[in-house]
Amino acid sequence: MSRQAILATLFTLAISAPAVSAPPAATPQAHPSTSAHANAAAAQSNATHIEACTEATEAFLEHLTLGDYKAATGNFNAQMLAALAPAKLGNAWQAIAIQYGKLESRGTAQNVMYQGLAVVTVPLRFEKGTLGARLACGADGKFSGFHIVSVPPAAPAASG
């Protein structure tokens, strides 16, 4: 067989050979950058939500410390306000002061997103112990939950 005949046969085989490729996906999939963009947008939204809730929590605690219970409940959603009106909040706060003494300082807020809620916990150091104020903010920025939680004592420092 001549050289030209061999090349022509190879050329014909190359043209008529079916292309080998991966089978198409059963369902269309988004480009990876689409989900990365969505994740980044969600993270930014969560960060903004947490920041706003942290600021509202700090304002709440300031009003609570000053004894301005009406202002403290100003960011409660309707359900929270019905369950914990200013007078009831004041009574609860005063009961904590009786048991734990005067509030000495507040610690650094710790934040987390949980089921669409921004949850902020702030350590409260009293004369007789440390508790945590935990507030949850809904998507509307209003408080939808408030709890006083126990804070475990700090682990003793390792001796060297």
C-alpha atoms as a PDB file:
ATOM      1  CA  MET A   1       0.000   0.000   0.000  1.00  0.00           C
ATOM      2  CA  SER A   2       1.328   3.391  -0.870  1.00  0.00           C
ATOM      3  CA  ARG A   3       2.066   6.097   1.629  1.00  0.00           C
ATOM      4  CA  GLN A   4      -0.778   8.278   0.272  1.00  0.00           C
ATOM      5  CA  ALA A   5      -3.281   5.423   0.560  1.00  0.00           C
ATOM      6  CA  ILE A   6      -2.298   4.828   4.207  1.00  0.00           C
ATOM      7  CA  LEU A   7      -2.663   8.532   5.022  1.00  0.00           C
ATOM      8  CA  ALA A   8      -6.021   8.706   3.246  1.00  0.00           C
ATOM      9  CA  THR A   9      -7.268   5.661   5.177  1.00  0.00           C
ATOM     10  CA  LEU A  10      -6.100   7.136   8.529  1.00  0.00           C
ATOM     11  CA  PHE A  11      -7.701  10.460   7.628  1.00  0.00           C
ATOM     12  CA  THR A  12     -10.989   8.741   6.773  1.00  0.00           C
ATOM     13  CA  LEU A  13     -10.922   6.742   9.989  1.00  0.00           C
ATOM     14  CA  ALA A  14     -10.217   9.888  12.021  1.00  0.00           C
ATOM     15  CA  ILE A  15     -13.164  11.725  10.486  1.00  0.00           C
ATOM     16  CA  SER A  16     -15.661   8.900  10.772  1.00  0.00           C
ATOM     17  CA  ALA A  17     -14.630   7.725  14.253  1.00  0.00           C
ATOM     18  CA  PRO A  18     -17.134   8.737  16.882  1.00  0.00           C
ATOM     19  CA  ALA A  19     -15.866  11.256  19.368  1.00  0.00           C
ATOM     20  CA  VAL A  20     -15.125   9.762  22.753  1.00  0.00           C
ATOM     21  CA  SER A  21     -16.354  11.901  25.616  1.00  0.00           C
ATOM     22  CA  ALA A  22     -17.948  11.574  28.989  1.00  0.00           C
ATOM     23  CA  PRO A  23     -21.647  10.820  28.927  1.00  0.00           C
ATOM     24  CA  PRO A  24     -23.820  13.860  29.597  1.00  0.00           C
ATOM     25  CA  ALA A  25     -24.869  14.410  33.180  1.00  0.00           C
ATOM     26  CA  ALA A  26     -28.317  13.122  34.057  1.00  0.00           C
ATOM     27  CA  THR A  27     -29.272  16.579  35.319  1.00  0.00           C
ATOM     28  CA  PRO A  28     -27.748  19.904  34.463  1.00  0.00           C
ATOM     29  CA  GLN A  29     -25.355  21.145  37.094  1.00  0.00           C
ATOM     30  CA  ALA A  30     -24.522  24.715  37.905  1.00  0.00           C
ATOM     31  CA  HIS A  31     -21.051  25.922  37.188  1.00  0.00           C
ATOM     32  CA  PRO A  32     -18.928  25.668  40.367  1.00  0.00           C
ATOM     33  CA  SER A  33     -18.445  29.429  40.405  1.00  0.00           C
ATOM     34  CA  THR A  34     -22.234  29.857  40.703  1.00  0.00           C
ATOM     35  CA  SER A  35     -22.392  27.962  43.998  1.00  0.00           C
ATOM     36  CA  ALA A  36     -19.225  29.672  45.216  1.00  0.00           C
ATOM     37  CA  HIS A  37     -20.857  33.028  44.519  1.00  0.00           C
ATOM     38  CA  ALA A  38     -24.036  31.947  46.314  1.00  0.00           C
ATOM     39  CA  ASN A  39     -21.987  30.776  49.304  1.00  0.00           C
ATOM     40  CA  ALA A  40     -20.093  34.062  49.415  1.00  0.00           C
ATOM     41  CA  ALA A  41     -23.329  36.046  49.218  1.00  0.00           C
ATOM     42  CA  ALA A  42     -24.882  33.958  52.015  1.00  0.00           C
ATOM     43  CA  ALA A  43     -21.780  34.395  54.173  1.00  0.00           C
ATOM     44  CA  GLN A  44     -21.896  38.169  53.658  1.00  0.00           C
ATOM     45  CA  SER A  45     -25.592  38.223  54.508  1.00  0.00           C
ATOM     46  CA  ASN A  46     -24.961  36.157  57.656  1.00  0.00           C
ATOM     47  CA  ALA A  47     -22.098  38.429  58.690  1.00  0.00           C
ATOM     48  CA  THR A  48     -24.300  41.503  58.306  1.00  0.00           C
ATOM     49  CA  HIS A  49     -27.103  39.802  60.262  1.00  0.00           C
ATOM     50  CA  ILE A  50     -24.719  38.816  63.067  1.00  0.00           C
ATOM     51  CA  GLU A  51     -23.186  42.284  63.242  1.00  0.00           C
ATOM     52  CA  ALA A  52     -26.605  43.933  63.542  1.00  0.00           C
ATOM     53  CA  CYS A  53     -27.693  41.442  66.207  1.00  0.00           C
ATOM     54  CA  THR A  54     -24.480  41.976  68.175  1.00  0.00           C
ATOM     55  CA  GLU A  55     -25.031  45.750  68.171  1.00  0.00           C
ATOM     56  CA  ALA A  56     -28.662  45.296  69.256  1.00  0.00           C
ATOM     57  CA  THR A  57     -27.539  42.912  72.014  1.00  0.00           C
ATOM     58  CA  GLU A  58     -25.020  45.431  73.336  1.00  0.00           C
ATOM     59  CA  ALA A  59     -27.717  48.145  73.381  1.00  0.00           C
ATOM     60  CA  PHE A  60     -30.136  45.758  75.122  1.00  0.00           C
ATOM     61  CA  LEU A  61     -27.583  44.944  77.823  1.00  0.00           C
ATOM     62  CA  GLU A  62     -26.776  48.621  78.321  1.00  0.00           C
ATOM     63  CA  HIS A  63     -30.478  49.444  78.856  1.00  0.00           C
ATOM     64  CA  LEU A  64     -30.856  46.420  81.118  1.00  0.00           C
ATOM     65  CA  THR A  65     -27.860  47.482  83.236  1.00  0.00           C
ATOM     66  CA  LEU A  66     -29.234  51.015  83.552  1.00  0.00           C
ATOM     67  CA  GLY A  67     -32.628  49.662  84.664  1.00  0.00           C
ATOM     68  CA  ASP A  68     -34.434  51.041  81.585  1.00  0.00           C
ATOM     69  CA  TYR A  69     -36.522  47.932  80.947  1.00  0.00           C
ATOM     70  CA  LYS A  70     -38.902  49.648  78.528  1.00  0.00           C
ATOM     71  CA  ALA A  71     -35.989  50.607  76.259  1.00  0.00           C
ATOM     72  CA  ALA A  72     -34.464  47.151  76.765  1.00  0.00           C
ATOM     73  CA  THR A  73     -37.597  45.516  75.355  1.00  0.00           C
ATOM     74  CA  GLY A  74     -37.844  47.981  72.463  1.00  0.00           C
ATOM     75  CA  ASN A  75     -36.299  45.499  70.001  1.00  0.00           C
ATOM     76  CA  PHE A  76     -38.391  42.480  71.083  1.00  0.00           C
ATOM     77  CA  ASN A  77     -40.682  40.964  68.459  1.00  0.00           C
ATOM     78  CA  ALA A  78     -44.383  40.800  69.362  1.00  0.00           C
ATOM     79  CA  GLN A  79     -44.182  37.269  70.783  1.00  0.00           C
ATOM     80  CA  MET A  80     -41.178  38.139  72.976  1.00  0.00           C
ATOM     81  CA  LEU A  81     -42.805  41.319  74.230  1.00  0.00           C
ATOM     82  CA  ALA A  82     -45.982  39.416  75.118  1.00  0.00           C
ATOM     83  CA  ALA A  83     -43.954  36.849  77.076  1.00  0.00           C
ATOM     84  CA  LEU A  84     -41.471  39.249  78.672  1.00  0.00           C
ATOM     85  CA  ALA A  85     -42.959  42.704  79.163  1.00  0.00           C
ATOM     86  CA  PRO A  86     -40.739  45.440  80.678  1.00  0.00           C
ATOM     87  CA  ALA A  87     -41.961  44.866  84.263  1.00  0.00           C
ATOM     88  CA  LYS A  88     -41.396  41.097  84.035  1.00  0.00           C
ATOM     89  CA  LEU A  89     -37.921  41.640  82.559  1.00  0.00           C
ATOM     90  CA  GLY A  90     -37.122  44.055  85.400  1.00  0.00           C
ATOM     91  CA  ASN A  91     -38.244  41.532  88.017  1.00  0.00           C
ATOM     92  CA  ALA A  92     -36.120  38.794  86.442  1.00  0.00           C
ATOM     93  CA  TRP A  93     -33.055  41.053  86.211  1.00  0.00           C
ATOM     94  CA  GLN A  94     -33.426  42.115  89.846  1.00  0.00           C
ATOM     95  CA  ALA A  95     -33.733  38.453  90.912  1.00  0.00           C
ATOM     96  CA  ILE A  96     -30.437  37.728  89.155  1.00  0.00           C
ATOM     97  CA  ALA A  97     -28.809  40.662  90.976  1.00  0.00           C
ATOM     98  CA  ILE A  98     -30.053  39.322  94.312  1.00  0.00           C
ATOM     99  CA  GLN A  99     -28.546  35.891  93.635  1.00  0.00           C
ATOM    100  CA  TYR A 100     -25.322  36.872  91.823  1.00  0.00           C
ATOM    101  CA  GLY A 101     -24.618  40.377  93.105  1.00  0.00           C
ATOM    102  CA  LYS A 102     -23.717  43.468  91.150  1.00  0.00           C
ATOM    103  CA  LEU A 103     -22.799  43.165  87.462  1.00  0.00           C
ATOM    104  CA  GLU A 104     -19.069  43.896  87.285  1.00  0.00           C
ATOM    105  CA  SER A 105     -18.331  43.554  83.564  1.00  0.00           C
ATOM    106  CA  ARG A 106     -19.389  42.119  80.230  1.00  0.00           C
ATOM    107  CA  GLY A 107     -17.189  39.840  78.173  1.00  0.00           C
ATOM    108  CA  THR A 108     -16.706  39.598  74.435  1.00  0.00           C
ATOM    109  CA  ALA A 109     -19.771  38.586  72.451  1.00  0.00           C
ATOM    110  CA  GLN A 110     -19.718  35.208  70.733  1.00  0.00           C
ATOM    111  CA  ASN A 111     -21.875  34.787  67.642  1.00  0.00           C
ATOM    112  CA  VAL A 112     -23.297  31.968  65.571  1.00  0.00           C
ATOM    113  CA  MET A 113     -25.957  31.486  62.913  1.00  0.00           C
ATOM    114  CA  TYR A 114     -28.483  28.793  63.825  1.00  0.00           C
ATOM    115  CA  GLN A 115     -31.486  27.916  61.653  1.00  0.00           C
ATOM    116  CA  GLY A 116     -31.590  31.393  60.133  1.00  0.00           C
ATOM    117  CA  LEU A 117     -31.243  33.167  63.466  1.00  0.00           C
ATOM    118  CA  ALA A 118     -28.243  35.203  64.552  1.00  0.00           C
ATOM    119  CA  VAL A 119     -27.494  34.084  68.113  1.00  0.00           C
ATOM    120  CA  VAL A 120     -25.280  36.250  70.321  1.00  0.00           C
ATOM    121  CA  THR A 121     -23.994  35.198  73.744  1.00  0.00           C
ATOM    122  CA  VAL A 122     -22.293  37.726  76.015  1.00  0.00           C
ATOM    123  CA  PRO A 123     -20.601  36.645  79.262  1.00  0.00           C
ATOM    124  CA  LEU A 124     -21.797  38.676  82.258  1.00  0.00           C
ATOM    125  CA  ARG A 125     -19.412  38.754  85.218  1.00  0.00           C
ATOM    126  CA  PHE A 126     -21.203  39.328  88.495  1.00  0.00           C
ATOM    127  CA  GLU A 127     -19.735  39.537  92.005  1.00  0.00           C
ATOM    128  CA  LYS A 128     -20.717  35.920  92.696  1.00  0.00           C
ATOM    129  CA  GLY A 129     -20.309  34.232  89.326  1.00  0.00           C
ATOM    130  CA  THR A 130     -20.532  34.442  85.568  1.00  0.00           C
ATOM    131  CA  LEU A 131     -23.644  33.959  83.474  1.00  0.00           C
ATOM    132  CA  GLY A 132     -24.292  34.421  79.786  1.00  0.00           C
ATOM    133  CA  ALA A 133     -26.938  36.564  78.139  1.00  0.00           C
ATOM    134  CA  ARG A 134     -28.034  34.792  74.947  1.00  0.00           C
ATOM    135  CA  LEU A 135     -30.213  36.636  72.451  1.00  0.00           C
ATOM    136  CA  ALA A 136     -31.509  35.469  69.087  1.00  0.00           C
ATOM    137  CA  CYS A 137     -32.375  37.852  66.247  1.00  0.00           C
ATOM    138  CA  GLY A 138     -34.775  36.918  63.469  1.00  0.00           C
ATOM    139  CA  ALA A 139     -34.417  37.996  59.851  1.00  0.00           C
ATOM    140  CA  ASP A 140     -36.293  41.217  60.695  1.00  0.00           C
ATOM    141  CA  GLY A 141     -33.580  42.132  63.232  1.00  0.00           C
ATOM    142  CA  LYS A 142     -35.953  41.836  66.191  1.00  0.00           C
ATOM    143  CA  PHE A 143     -35.141  39.704  69.224  1.00  0.00           C
ATOM    144  CA  SER A 144     -37.003  36.415  69.084  1.00  0.00           C
ATOM    145  CA  GLY A 145     -35.332  34.827  72.093  1.00  0.00           C
ATOM    146  CA  PHE A 146     -33.562  35.776  75.327  1.00  0.00           C
ATOM    147  CA  HIS A 147     -32.082  33.419  77.867  1.00  0.00           C
ATOM    148  CA  ILE A 148     -29.705  33.688  80.779  1.00  0.00           C
ATOM    149  CA  VAL A 149     -27.412  30.668  80.593  1.00  0.00           C
ATOM    150  CA  SER A 150     -24.801  29.274  82.925  1.00  0.00           C
ATOM    151  CA  VAL A 151     -21.189  29.643  81.894  1.00  0.00           C
ATOM    152  CA  PRO A 152     -18.799  26.907  82.991  1.00  0.00           C
ATOM    153  CA  PRO A 153     -15.918  28.116  85.148  1.00  0.00           C
ATOM    154  CA  ALA A 154     -12.657  28.749  83.347  1.00  0.00           C
ATOM    155  CA  ALA A 155     -10.237  25.851  83.354  1.00  0.00           C
ATOM    156  CA  PRO A 156      -7.273  26.427  85.669  1.00  0.00           C
ATOM    157  CA  ALA A 157      -4.109  27.548  83.944  1.00  0.00           C
ATOM    158  CA  ALA A 158      -1.552  24.802  83.417  1.00  0.00           C
ATOM    159  CA  SER A 159       1.452  25.163  85.661  1.00  0.00           C
ATOM    160  CA  GLY A 160       4.792  25.152  83.995  1.00  0.00           C
END
